[in-house]
Amino acid sequence: MITAFLLAACSSGASLSRLPADSVILAFGDSLTYGTGAGAGESYPAILEKKIGRRVVNAGIPGEVTRAGLARLPETLDRERPALLVLCHGGNDLLRRMSREETTANLRGMIRMARERGAGVVLVAVPAPGFSLTPPSFYGEIAKEMSVPLDDSTLSAILSDGALKSDYIHPNAAGYERMAEAVAALLRKHGAL
């Protein structure tokens, strides 16, 4: 069941460059990247690092909107020099009902910025608040347009399962474990591992 769940979470035909063992991966986003709702060492970047044997830098800032992320990313990319960016951003834009056009433009800008510095990119879609917990269509549109591997179902599945979340918008440790498994599967599917 977990295998089917992970494979369903991985979409897009984009490929990634193989990551050498000394590669740095930058996990960039908001509270979902930071690990809000779980203890120290239980964020998805911390778990991912153990699963894939590569250094994963957690650059998550709770409450951040994509406009602030876009402004923060250049310095973070220059400091960490990652081979790969795992971008999981936009949840706070959705919660604050910010312009989807601006959110989309900011996500595209972050992807372009990472690529200009030679980093590959994967995108993790954040579900919109509400009953269905479905990610907005702009995540799929960006992934297709920019040929970026996309996970568009893992967070929706996690946040639909009370056993995997700490509150209505954050996973718990078990949820972050599932998220790390899905990102690792996405990296394997698209050739990074």
N, C-alpha and C. Protein backbone atom coordinates (compact mmCIF):
# COMPACT_ATOMS: atom_id res chain seq x y z
N MET A 1 0.83 -1.20 0.00
CA MET A 1 0.00 0.00 0.00
C MET A 1 0.87 1.26 0.00
N ILE A 2 1.92 1.26 0.81
CA ILE A 2 2.79 2.43 0.86
C ILE A 2 3.45 2.65 -0.50
N THR A 3 3.87 1.57 -1.18
CA THR A 3 4.50 1.71 -2.48
C THR A 3 3.55 2.37 -3.47
N ALA A 4 2.29 1.92 -3.49
CA ALA A 4 1.30 2.52 -4.40
C ALA A 4 1.09 3.99 -4.06
N PHE A 5 1.04 4.29 -2.77
CA PHE A 5 0.88 5.67 -2.32
C PHE A 5 2.04 6.54 -2.80
N LEU A 6 3.26 6.03 -2.66
CA LEU A 6 4.43 6.81 -3.06
C LEU A 6 4.51 6.99 -4.57
N LEU A 7 4.18 5.94 -5.33
CA LEU A 7 4.24 6.06 -6.77
C LEU A 7 3.16 6.99 -7.29
N ALA A 8 1.99 6.98 -6.65
CA ALA A 8 0.93 7.89 -7.06
C ALA A 8 1.31 9.34 -6.78
N ALA A 9 2.15 9.54 -5.78
CA ALA A 9 2.55 10.89 -5.41
C ALA A 9 3.54 11.49 -6.39
N CYS A 10 4.17 10.69 -7.20
CA CYS A 10 5.22 11.15 -8.09
C CYS A 10 4.68 11.31 -9.50
N SER A 11 4.63 12.54 -9.97
CA SER A 11 4.16 12.75 -11.33
C SER A 11 5.15 13.61 -12.08
N SER A 12 4.92 13.74 -13.39
CA SER A 12 5.74 14.54 -14.29
C SER A 12 6.86 13.70 -14.88
N GLY A 13 7.15 13.92 -16.13
CA GLY A 13 8.17 13.17 -16.83
C GLY A 13 9.55 13.80 -16.74
N ALA A 14 9.72 14.84 -15.97
CA ALA A 14 11.00 15.53 -15.88
C ALA A 14 12.07 14.62 -15.27
N SER A 15 13.31 14.83 -15.68
CA SER A 15 14.40 14.05 -15.09
C SER A 15 15.34 14.98 -14.34
N LEU A 16 16.09 14.39 -13.42
CA LEU A 16 17.05 15.13 -12.60
C LEU A 16 18.43 14.54 -12.80
N SER A 17 19.45 15.35 -12.57
CA SER A 17 20.83 14.85 -12.60
C SER A 17 21.07 14.00 -11.36
N ARG A 18 21.89 12.96 -11.52
CA ARG A 18 22.24 12.10 -10.40
C ARG A 18 23.00 12.92 -9.35
N LEU A 19 22.64 12.72 -8.09
CA LEU A 19 23.26 13.45 -6.98
C LEU A 19 24.44 12.68 -6.42
N PRO A 20 25.66 13.20 -6.55
CA PRO A 20 26.81 12.56 -5.90
C PRO A 20 26.60 12.49 -4.38
N ALA A 21 27.34 11.62 -3.74
CA ALA A 21 27.18 11.40 -2.29
C ALA A 21 27.44 12.65 -1.47
N ASP A 22 28.26 13.57 -1.99
CA ASP A 22 28.57 14.79 -1.21
C ASP A 22 27.65 15.96 -1.58
N SER A 23 26.58 15.69 -2.31
CA SER A 23 25.65 16.75 -2.71
C SER A 23 24.91 17.35 -1.53
N VAL A 24 24.55 18.62 -1.68
CA VAL A 24 23.70 19.31 -0.71
C VAL A 24 22.33 19.49 -1.34
N ILE A 25 21.30 19.16 -0.58
CA ILE A 25 19.92 19.37 -0.99
C ILE A 25 19.37 20.46 -0.09
N LEU A 26 18.73 21.44 -0.70
CA LEU A 26 18.11 22.54 0.04
C LEU A 26 16.60 22.31 0.08
N ALA A 27 16.08 22.05 1.27
CA ALA A 27 14.63 21.94 1.48
C ALA A 27 14.16 23.34 1.86
N PHE A 28 13.38 23.96 0.97
CA PHE A 28 13.03 25.36 1.12
C PHE A 28 11.52 25.51 1.21
N GLY A 29 11.07 26.25 2.21
CA GLY A 29 9.63 26.46 2.36
C GLY A 29 9.26 27.14 3.65
N ASP A 30 8.07 26.79 4.13
CA ASP A 30 7.51 27.41 5.33
C ASP A 30 7.49 26.42 6.48
N SER A 31 6.43 26.43 7.29
CA SER A 31 6.35 25.56 8.46
C SER A 31 6.33 24.08 8.11
N LEU A 32 5.83 23.73 6.92
CA LEU A 32 5.81 22.33 6.51
C LEU A 32 7.23 21.81 6.29
N THR A 33 8.13 22.67 5.89
CA THR A 33 9.54 22.30 5.74
C THR A 33 10.24 22.37 7.10
N TYR A 34 9.94 23.41 7.85
CA TYR A 34 10.56 23.60 9.16
C TYR A 34 10.30 22.40 10.08
N GLY A 35 9.09 21.86 10.01
CA GLY A 35 8.74 20.71 10.85
C GLY A 35 7.78 21.03 11.98
N THR A 36 7.04 22.13 11.86
CA THR A 36 6.05 22.49 12.87
C THR A 36 5.09 21.32 13.08
N GLY A 37 4.88 20.98 14.34
CA GLY A 37 3.99 19.87 14.68
C GLY A 37 4.73 18.61 15.09
N ALA A 38 6.06 18.62 14.98
CA ALA A 38 6.87 17.47 15.36
C ALA A 38 8.05 17.94 16.19
N GLY A 39 8.73 17.00 16.79
CA GLY A 39 9.88 17.34 17.63
C GLY A 39 11.14 17.60 16.84
N ALA A 40 12.18 18.00 17.55
CA ALA A 40 13.48 18.24 16.93
C ALA A 40 13.95 16.96 16.23
N GLY A 41 14.44 17.11 15.02
CA GLY A 41 14.93 15.96 14.26
C GLY A 41 13.84 15.15 13.59
N GLU A 42 12.58 15.62 13.64
CA GLU A 42 11.47 14.88 13.04
C GLU A 42 10.86 15.59 11.83
N SER A 43 11.50 16.66 11.37
CA SER A 43 11.04 17.34 10.15
C SER A 43 11.29 16.44 8.95
N TYR A 44 10.60 16.69 7.85
CA TYR A 44 10.86 15.84 6.68
C TYR A 44 12.29 16.01 6.16
N PRO A 45 12.92 17.23 6.20
CA PRO A 45 14.31 17.31 5.74
C PRO A 45 15.26 16.46 6.60
N ALA A 46 15.06 16.44 7.92
CA ALA A 46 15.93 15.65 8.80
C ALA A 46 15.79 14.16 8.50
N ILE A 47 14.56 13.72 8.28
CA ILE A 47 14.32 12.30 7.98
C ILE A 47 14.84 11.96 6.59
N LEU A 48 14.62 12.85 5.63
CA LEU A 48 15.10 12.63 4.26
C LEU A 48 16.61 12.46 4.24
N GLU A 49 17.31 13.28 5.00
CA GLU A 49 18.77 13.19 5.05
C GLU A 49 19.22 11.79 5.46
N LYS A 50 18.55 11.21 6.47
CA LYS A 50 18.90 9.86 6.93
C LYS A 50 18.55 8.81 5.87
N LYS A 51 17.46 9.01 5.17
CA LYS A 51 17.00 8.02 4.19
C LYS A 51 17.86 7.97 2.93
N ILE A 52 18.40 9.12 2.51
CA ILE A 52 19.10 9.15 1.22
C ILE A 52 20.61 9.34 1.32
N GLY A 53 21.13 9.55 2.52
CA GLY A 53 22.57 9.67 2.70
C GLY A 53 23.19 10.89 2.06
N ARG A 54 22.42 11.96 1.93
CA ARG A 54 22.93 13.23 1.41
C ARG A 54 22.62 14.30 2.46
N ARG A 55 23.42 15.35 2.50
CA ARG A 55 23.15 16.45 3.42
C ARG A 55 21.91 17.21 2.94
N VAL A 56 20.93 17.38 3.83
CA VAL A 56 19.71 18.12 3.51
C VAL A 56 19.62 19.30 4.46
N VAL A 57 19.65 20.50 3.93
CA VAL A 57 19.57 21.73 4.71
C VAL A 57 18.10 22.11 4.85
N ASN A 58 17.65 22.27 6.07
CA ASN A 58 16.27 22.69 6.34
C ASN A 58 16.22 24.21 6.35
N ALA A 59 15.63 24.78 5.30
CA ALA A 59 15.47 26.23 5.18
C ALA A 59 13.99 26.58 5.21
N GLY A 60 13.30 26.04 6.19
CA GLY A 60 11.88 26.34 6.36
C GLY A 60 11.68 27.42 7.39
N ILE A 61 10.78 28.37 7.10
CA ILE A 61 10.46 29.45 8.03
C ILE A 61 8.95 29.48 8.24
N PRO A 62 8.49 29.14 9.44
CA PRO A 62 7.05 29.14 9.70
C PRO A 62 6.42 30.51 9.40
N GLY A 63 5.26 30.46 8.77
CA GLY A 63 4.50 31.67 8.48
C GLY A 63 4.92 32.42 7.23
N GLU A 64 5.98 31.98 6.57
CA GLU A 64 6.49 32.70 5.41
C GLU A 64 5.56 32.56 4.21
N VAL A 65 5.36 33.66 3.49
CA VAL A 65 4.63 33.66 2.22
C VAL A 65 5.65 33.60 1.08
N THR A 66 5.18 33.27 -0.12
CA THR A 66 6.12 33.10 -1.23
C THR A 66 6.86 34.37 -1.60
N ARG A 67 6.26 35.54 -1.39
CA ARG A 67 6.95 36.80 -1.68
C ARG A 67 8.21 36.91 -0.83
N ALA A 68 8.10 36.57 0.46
CA ALA A 68 9.26 36.61 1.35
C ALA A 68 10.24 35.50 1.00
N GLY A 69 9.74 34.34 0.60
CA GLY A 69 10.62 33.24 0.20
C GLY A 69 11.44 33.60 -1.02
N LEU A 70 10.79 34.25 -1.99
CA LEU A 70 11.49 34.67 -3.20
C LEU A 70 12.61 35.65 -2.85
N ALA A 71 12.37 36.54 -1.90
CA ALA A 71 13.39 37.51 -1.49
C ALA A 71 14.52 36.84 -0.71
N ARG A 72 14.20 35.79 0.05
CA ARG A 72 15.18 35.11 0.89
C ARG A 72 16.03 34.09 0.12
N LEU A 73 15.48 33.54 -0.94
CA LEU A 73 16.13 32.43 -1.62
C LEU A 73 17.51 32.73 -2.19
N PRO A 74 17.76 33.88 -2.84
CA PRO A 74 19.09 34.08 -3.43
C PRO A 74 20.23 33.92 -2.44
N GLU A 75 20.10 34.55 -1.28
CA GLU A 75 21.17 34.45 -0.27
C GLU A 75 21.31 33.02 0.22
N THR A 76 20.20 32.30 0.37
CA THR A 76 20.24 30.92 0.84
C THR A 76 20.91 30.02 -0.20
N LEU A 77 20.57 30.20 -1.47
CA LEU A 77 21.21 29.43 -2.53
C LEU A 77 22.71 29.72 -2.59
N ASP A 78 23.09 30.98 -2.49
CA ASP A 78 24.50 31.35 -2.56
C ASP A 78 25.29 30.80 -1.38
N ARG A 79 24.66 30.76 -0.21
CA ARG A 79 25.33 30.25 0.99
C ARG A 79 25.47 28.72 0.95
N GLU A 80 24.41 28.02 0.59
CA GLU A 80 24.40 26.55 0.67
C GLU A 80 24.90 25.86 -0.60
N ARG A 81 24.80 26.51 -1.75
CA ARG A 81 25.22 25.95 -3.03
C ARG A 81 24.68 24.53 -3.25
N PRO A 82 23.35 24.38 -3.21
CA PRO A 82 22.78 23.04 -3.34
C PRO A 82 22.83 22.51 -4.77
N ALA A 83 22.85 21.19 -4.88
CA ALA A 83 22.71 20.54 -6.18
C ALA A 83 21.23 20.40 -6.52
N LEU A 84 20.38 20.44 -5.48
CA LEU A 84 18.95 20.24 -5.68
C LEU A 84 18.16 21.08 -4.69
N LEU A 85 17.07 21.66 -5.17
CA LEU A 85 16.13 22.41 -4.35
C LEU A 85 14.83 21.61 -4.27
N VAL A 86 14.38 21.31 -3.05
CA VAL A 86 13.05 20.75 -2.84
C VAL A 86 12.18 21.91 -2.37
N LEU A 87 11.29 22.35 -3.24
CA LEU A 87 10.48 23.54 -3.00
C LEU A 87 9.08 23.14 -2.56
N CYS A 88 8.76 23.46 -1.31
CA CYS A 88 7.43 23.19 -0.74
C CYS A 88 6.96 24.51 -0.13
N HIS A 89 6.28 25.30 -0.94
CA HIS A 89 5.91 26.65 -0.52
C HIS A 89 4.54 27.00 -1.07
N GLY A 90 3.90 27.97 -0.45
CA GLY A 90 2.62 28.48 -0.93
C GLY A 90 1.46 28.30 0.03
N GLY A 91 1.66 27.49 1.07
CA GLY A 91 0.57 27.25 2.02
C GLY A 91 0.07 28.50 2.71
N ASN A 92 0.98 29.37 3.11
CA ASN A 92 0.55 30.59 3.79
C ASN A 92 -0.12 31.57 2.84
N ASP A 93 0.29 31.56 1.58
CA ASP A 93 -0.40 32.37 0.58
C ASP A 93 -1.86 31.91 0.48
N LEU A 94 -2.05 30.58 0.46
CA LEU A 94 -3.41 30.03 0.36
C LEU A 94 -4.23 30.36 1.61
N LEU A 95 -3.63 30.20 2.78
CA LEU A 95 -4.35 30.50 4.04
C LEU A 95 -4.74 31.97 4.12
N ARG A 96 -3.91 32.84 3.58
CA ARG A 96 -4.18 34.28 3.64
C ARG A 96 -4.93 34.79 2.41
N ARG A 97 -5.32 33.86 1.56
CA ARG A 97 -6.07 34.17 0.34
C ARG A 97 -5.37 35.24 -0.51
N MET A 98 -4.08 35.07 -0.64
CA MET A 98 -3.30 35.98 -1.47
C MET A 98 -3.53 35.65 -2.94
N SER A 99 -3.15 36.53 -3.81
CA SER A 99 -3.34 36.38 -5.24
C SER A 99 -2.64 35.12 -5.75
N ARG A 100 -3.39 34.27 -6.42
CA ARG A 100 -2.80 33.05 -6.98
C ARG A 100 -1.81 33.40 -8.09
N GLU A 101 -2.07 34.49 -8.80
CA GLU A 101 -1.14 34.93 -9.84
C GLU A 101 0.21 35.28 -9.24
N GLU A 102 0.19 36.00 -8.10
CA GLU A 102 1.45 36.36 -7.45
C GLU A 102 2.15 35.12 -6.91
N THR A 103 1.39 34.22 -6.28
CA THR A 103 1.99 32.99 -5.76
C THR A 103 2.65 32.20 -6.88
N THR A 104 1.95 32.07 -8.00
CA THR A 104 2.48 31.34 -9.14
C THR A 104 3.75 32.01 -9.66
N ALA A 105 3.73 33.32 -9.79
CA ALA A 105 4.91 34.05 -10.27
C ALA A 105 6.09 33.87 -9.31
N ASN A 106 5.82 33.89 -8.01
CA ASN A 106 6.89 33.73 -7.02
C ASN A 106 7.49 32.33 -7.09
N LEU A 107 6.65 31.30 -7.22
CA LEU A 107 7.16 29.93 -7.33
C LEU A 107 8.00 29.77 -8.60
N ARG A 108 7.51 30.29 -9.70
CA ARG A 108 8.29 30.24 -10.95
C ARG A 108 9.64 30.95 -10.77
N GLY A 109 9.60 32.10 -10.11
CA GLY A 109 10.84 32.85 -9.88
C GLY A 109 11.84 32.06 -9.05
N MET A 110 11.35 31.34 -8.04
CA MET A 110 12.25 30.53 -7.21
C MET A 110 12.87 29.40 -8.03
N ILE A 111 12.06 28.76 -8.86
CA ILE A 111 12.58 27.68 -9.70
C ILE A 111 13.63 28.21 -10.66
N ARG A 112 13.35 29.33 -11.31
CA ARG A 112 14.33 29.93 -12.24
C ARG A 112 15.63 30.27 -11.52
N MET A 113 15.50 30.85 -10.32
CA MET A 113 16.68 31.26 -9.56
C MET A 113 17.58 30.06 -9.24
N ALA A 114 16.96 28.96 -8.82
CA ALA A 114 17.73 27.75 -8.49
C ALA A 114 18.42 27.21 -9.73
N ARG A 115 17.69 27.17 -10.82
CA ARG A 115 18.27 26.64 -12.07
C ARG A 115 19.41 27.52 -12.57
N GLU A 116 19.28 28.83 -12.42
CA GLU A 116 20.36 29.74 -12.84
C GLU A 116 21.65 29.47 -12.08
N ARG A 117 21.52 28.90 -10.89
CA ARG A 117 22.69 28.58 -10.07
C ARG A 117 23.08 27.11 -10.21
N GLY A 118 22.48 26.43 -11.17
CA GLY A 118 22.86 25.05 -11.47
C GLY A 118 22.18 23.98 -10.63
N ALA A 119 21.17 24.34 -9.86
CA ALA A 119 20.48 23.35 -9.02
C ALA A 119 19.27 22.78 -9.74
N GLY A 120 19.07 21.48 -9.58
CA GLY A 120 17.83 20.86 -10.01
C GLY A 120 16.72 21.26 -9.05
N VAL A 121 15.48 21.03 -9.45
CA VAL A 121 14.34 21.44 -8.61
C VAL A 121 13.27 20.35 -8.64
N VAL A 122 12.70 20.08 -7.47
CA VAL A 122 11.45 19.31 -7.37
C VAL A 122 10.46 20.17 -6.60
N LEU A 123 9.19 20.01 -6.94
CA LEU A 123 8.14 20.82 -6.37
C LEU A 123 7.18 19.93 -5.59
N VAL A 124 6.84 20.35 -4.38
CA VAL A 124 5.86 19.64 -3.56
C VAL A 124 4.65 20.55 -3.42
N ALA A 125 3.50 20.08 -3.92
CA ALA A 125 2.28 20.88 -3.90
C ALA A 125 1.65 20.87 -2.52
N VAL A 126 1.15 22.03 -2.12
CA VAL A 126 0.47 22.21 -0.84
C VAL A 126 -1.04 22.28 -1.10
N PRO A 127 -1.83 21.50 -0.38
CA PRO A 127 -3.28 21.56 -0.62
C PRO A 127 -3.89 22.86 -0.12
N ALA A 128 -4.93 23.28 -0.83
CA ALA A 128 -5.69 24.45 -0.39
C ALA A 128 -6.53 24.07 0.82
N PRO A 129 -6.69 24.99 1.77
CA PRO A 129 -7.53 24.68 2.92
C PRO A 129 -8.97 24.42 2.47
N GLY A 130 -9.63 23.55 3.18
CA GLY A 130 -11.01 23.23 2.84
C GLY A 130 -11.27 21.75 2.97
N PHE A 131 -12.44 21.34 2.58
CA PHE A 131 -12.87 19.97 2.77
C PHE A 131 -12.07 18.99 1.91
N SER A 132 -11.81 19.32 0.66
CA SER A 132 -11.19 18.35 -0.24
C SER A 132 -9.66 18.27 -0.12
N LEU A 133 -9.03 19.28 0.44
CA LEU A 133 -7.58 19.32 0.58
C LEU A 133 -6.87 19.02 -0.75
N THR A 134 -7.31 19.65 -1.80
CA THR A 134 -6.73 19.47 -3.13
C THR A 134 -5.77 20.62 -3.42
N PRO A 135 -4.58 20.32 -3.95
CA PRO A 135 -3.68 21.42 -4.31
C PRO A 135 -4.26 22.24 -5.46
N PRO A 136 -4.03 23.54 -5.45
CA PRO A 136 -4.46 24.36 -6.58
C PRO A 136 -3.80 23.89 -7.88
N SER A 137 -4.48 24.11 -8.98
CA SER A 137 -3.98 23.65 -10.29
C SER A 137 -2.66 24.30 -10.69
N PHE A 138 -2.33 25.45 -10.08
CA PHE A 138 -1.11 26.12 -10.53
C PHE A 138 0.15 25.30 -10.27
N TYR A 139 0.13 24.41 -9.27
CA TYR A 139 1.32 23.57 -9.04
C TYR A 139 1.58 22.67 -10.25
N GLY A 140 0.53 22.01 -10.73
CA GLY A 140 0.68 21.15 -11.91
C GLY A 140 1.06 21.93 -13.14
N GLU A 141 0.49 23.13 -13.30
CA GLU A 141 0.81 23.96 -14.45
C GLU A 141 2.28 24.38 -14.45
N ILE A 142 2.77 24.77 -13.27
CA ILE A 142 4.18 25.17 -13.16
C ILE A 142 5.08 23.97 -13.46
N ALA A 143 4.76 22.81 -12.88
CA ALA A 143 5.59 21.62 -13.08
C ALA A 143 5.66 21.24 -14.55
N LYS A 144 4.52 21.30 -15.22
CA LYS A 144 4.49 20.95 -16.65
C LYS A 144 5.25 21.98 -17.48
N GLU A 145 4.96 23.24 -17.24
CA GLU A 145 5.58 24.33 -18.00
C GLU A 145 7.10 24.35 -17.84
N MET A 146 7.58 24.11 -16.61
CA MET A 146 9.00 24.24 -16.32
C MET A 146 9.71 22.89 -16.26
N SER A 147 8.99 21.81 -16.58
CA SER A 147 9.54 20.45 -16.58
C SER A 147 10.22 20.12 -15.25
N VAL A 148 9.43 20.24 -14.19
CA VAL A 148 9.90 20.01 -12.83
C VAL A 148 9.15 18.81 -12.25
N PRO A 149 9.84 17.84 -11.66
CA PRO A 149 9.15 16.75 -10.99
C PRO A 149 8.24 17.31 -9.88
N LEU A 150 7.04 16.75 -9.79
CA LEU A 150 6.03 17.26 -8.86
C LEU A 150 5.45 16.14 -8.02
N ASP A 151 5.34 16.38 -6.73
CA ASP A 151 4.54 15.53 -5.84
C ASP A 151 3.29 16.35 -5.54
N ASP A 152 2.17 15.91 -6.07
CA ASP A 152 0.94 16.67 -5.89
C ASP A 152 -0.12 15.95 -5.07
N SER A 153 0.29 14.89 -4.36
CA SER A 153 -0.71 14.16 -3.58
C SER A 153 -0.31 13.81 -2.15
N THR A 154 0.98 13.82 -1.84
CA THR A 154 1.40 13.36 -0.51
C THR A 154 0.85 14.22 0.62
N LEU A 155 1.01 15.53 0.54
CA LEU A 155 0.51 16.37 1.63
C LEU A 155 -1.01 16.27 1.76
N SER A 156 -1.72 16.15 0.66
CA SER A 156 -3.18 15.99 0.73
C SER A 156 -3.53 14.71 1.47
N ALA A 157 -2.83 13.62 1.16
CA ALA A 157 -3.09 12.34 1.82
C ALA A 157 -2.75 12.41 3.31
N ILE A 158 -1.63 13.03 3.63
CA ILE A 158 -1.22 13.14 5.04
C ILE A 158 -2.23 13.96 5.83
N LEU A 159 -2.61 15.11 5.29
CA LEU A 159 -3.52 16.00 6.02
C LEU A 159 -4.96 15.52 6.01
N SER A 160 -5.24 14.45 5.26
CA SER A 160 -6.56 13.83 5.28
C SER A 160 -6.64 12.71 6.31
N ASP A 161 -5.51 12.39 6.93
CA ASP A 161 -5.43 11.27 7.88
C ASP A 161 -5.09 11.80 9.27
N GLY A 162 -6.05 11.75 10.16
CA GLY A 162 -5.86 12.28 11.52
C GLY A 162 -4.67 11.68 12.25
N ALA A 163 -4.28 10.44 11.92
CA ALA A 163 -3.14 9.80 12.58
C ALA A 163 -1.81 10.37 12.12
N LEU A 164 -1.82 11.17 11.04
CA LEU A 164 -0.57 11.69 10.47
C LEU A 164 -0.41 13.20 10.64
N LYS A 165 -1.32 13.84 11.37
CA LYS A 165 -1.22 15.29 11.50
C LYS A 165 -1.29 15.75 12.96
N SER A 166 -0.64 16.88 13.21
CA SER A 166 -0.61 17.44 14.57
C SER A 166 -1.72 18.47 14.76
N ASP A 167 -2.13 19.11 13.67
CA ASP A 167 -3.25 20.05 13.68
C ASP A 167 -3.81 20.07 12.25
N TYR A 168 -4.70 20.97 11.95
CA TYR A 168 -5.35 20.87 10.64
C TYR A 168 -4.46 21.26 9.46
N ILE A 169 -3.29 21.85 9.70
CA ILE A 169 -2.42 22.21 8.57
C ILE A 169 -1.00 21.65 8.66
N HIS A 170 -0.67 20.92 9.73
CA HIS A 170 0.70 20.42 9.88
C HIS A 170 0.71 18.91 10.16
N PRO A 171 1.63 18.20 9.53
CA PRO A 171 1.83 16.80 9.87
C PRO A 171 2.42 16.66 11.28
N ASN A 172 2.34 15.44 11.82
CA ASN A 172 3.08 15.09 13.03
C ASN A 172 4.33 14.33 12.58
N ALA A 173 5.06 13.73 13.52
CA ALA A 173 6.29 13.02 13.16
C ALA A 173 6.03 11.92 12.13
N ALA A 174 4.95 11.16 12.30
CA ALA A 174 4.62 10.09 11.35
C ALA A 174 4.29 10.67 9.98
N GLY A 175 3.63 11.81 9.95
CA GLY A 175 3.32 12.47 8.68
C GLY A 175 4.57 12.97 7.97
N TYR A 176 5.50 13.54 8.73
CA TYR A 176 6.75 14.00 8.12
C TYR A 176 7.58 12.81 7.63
N GLU A 177 7.50 11.69 8.33
CA GLU A 177 8.17 10.46 7.87
C GLU A 177 7.61 10.07 6.50
N ARG A 178 6.30 10.10 6.36
CA ARG A 178 5.64 9.76 5.09
C ARG A 178 6.05 10.76 4.00
N MET A 179 6.16 12.02 4.38
CA MET A 179 6.56 13.05 3.41
C MET A 179 7.99 12.80 2.93
N ALA A 180 8.89 12.48 3.85
CA ALA A 180 10.28 12.18 3.49
C ALA A 180 10.35 10.97 2.56
N GLU A 181 9.56 9.93 2.85
CA GLU A 181 9.52 8.74 1.99
C GLU A 181 9.07 9.12 0.58
N ALA A 182 8.07 9.98 0.48
CA ALA A 182 7.56 10.39 -0.83
C ALA A 182 8.59 11.20 -1.60
N VAL A 183 9.28 12.12 -0.93
CA VAL A 183 10.31 12.92 -1.62
C VAL A 183 11.45 12.01 -2.07
N ALA A 184 11.87 11.07 -1.22
CA ALA A 184 12.92 10.13 -1.61
C ALA A 184 12.49 9.32 -2.83
N ALA A 185 11.23 8.87 -2.86
CA ALA A 185 10.72 8.11 -4.00
C ALA A 185 10.70 8.97 -5.26
N LEU A 186 10.33 10.23 -5.12
CA LEU A 186 10.32 11.16 -6.25
C LEU A 186 11.72 11.34 -6.81
N LEU A 187 12.72 11.46 -5.92
CA LEU A 187 14.10 11.63 -6.36
C LEU A 187 14.61 10.37 -7.07
N ARG A 188 14.22 9.20 -6.56
CA ARG A 188 14.62 7.95 -7.24
C ARG A 188 13.96 7.84 -8.61
N LYS A 189 12.68 8.12 -8.66
CA LYS A 189 11.93 7.98 -9.92
C LYS A 189 12.50 8.87 -11.02
N HIS A 190 12.97 10.04 -10.65
CA HIS A 190 13.43 11.01 -11.65
C HIS A 190 14.95 11.03 -11.81
N GLY A 191 15.64 10.03 -11.25
CA GLY A 191 17.06 9.82 -11.55
C GLY A 191 18.06 10.49 -10.65
N ALA A 192 17.62 11.16 -9.58
CA ALA A 192 18.57 11.86 -8.70
C ALA A 192 19.31 10.89 -7.79
N LEU A 193 18.70 9.75 -7.48
CA LEU A 193 19.33 8.76 -6.58
C LEU A 193 19.47 7.42 -7.28
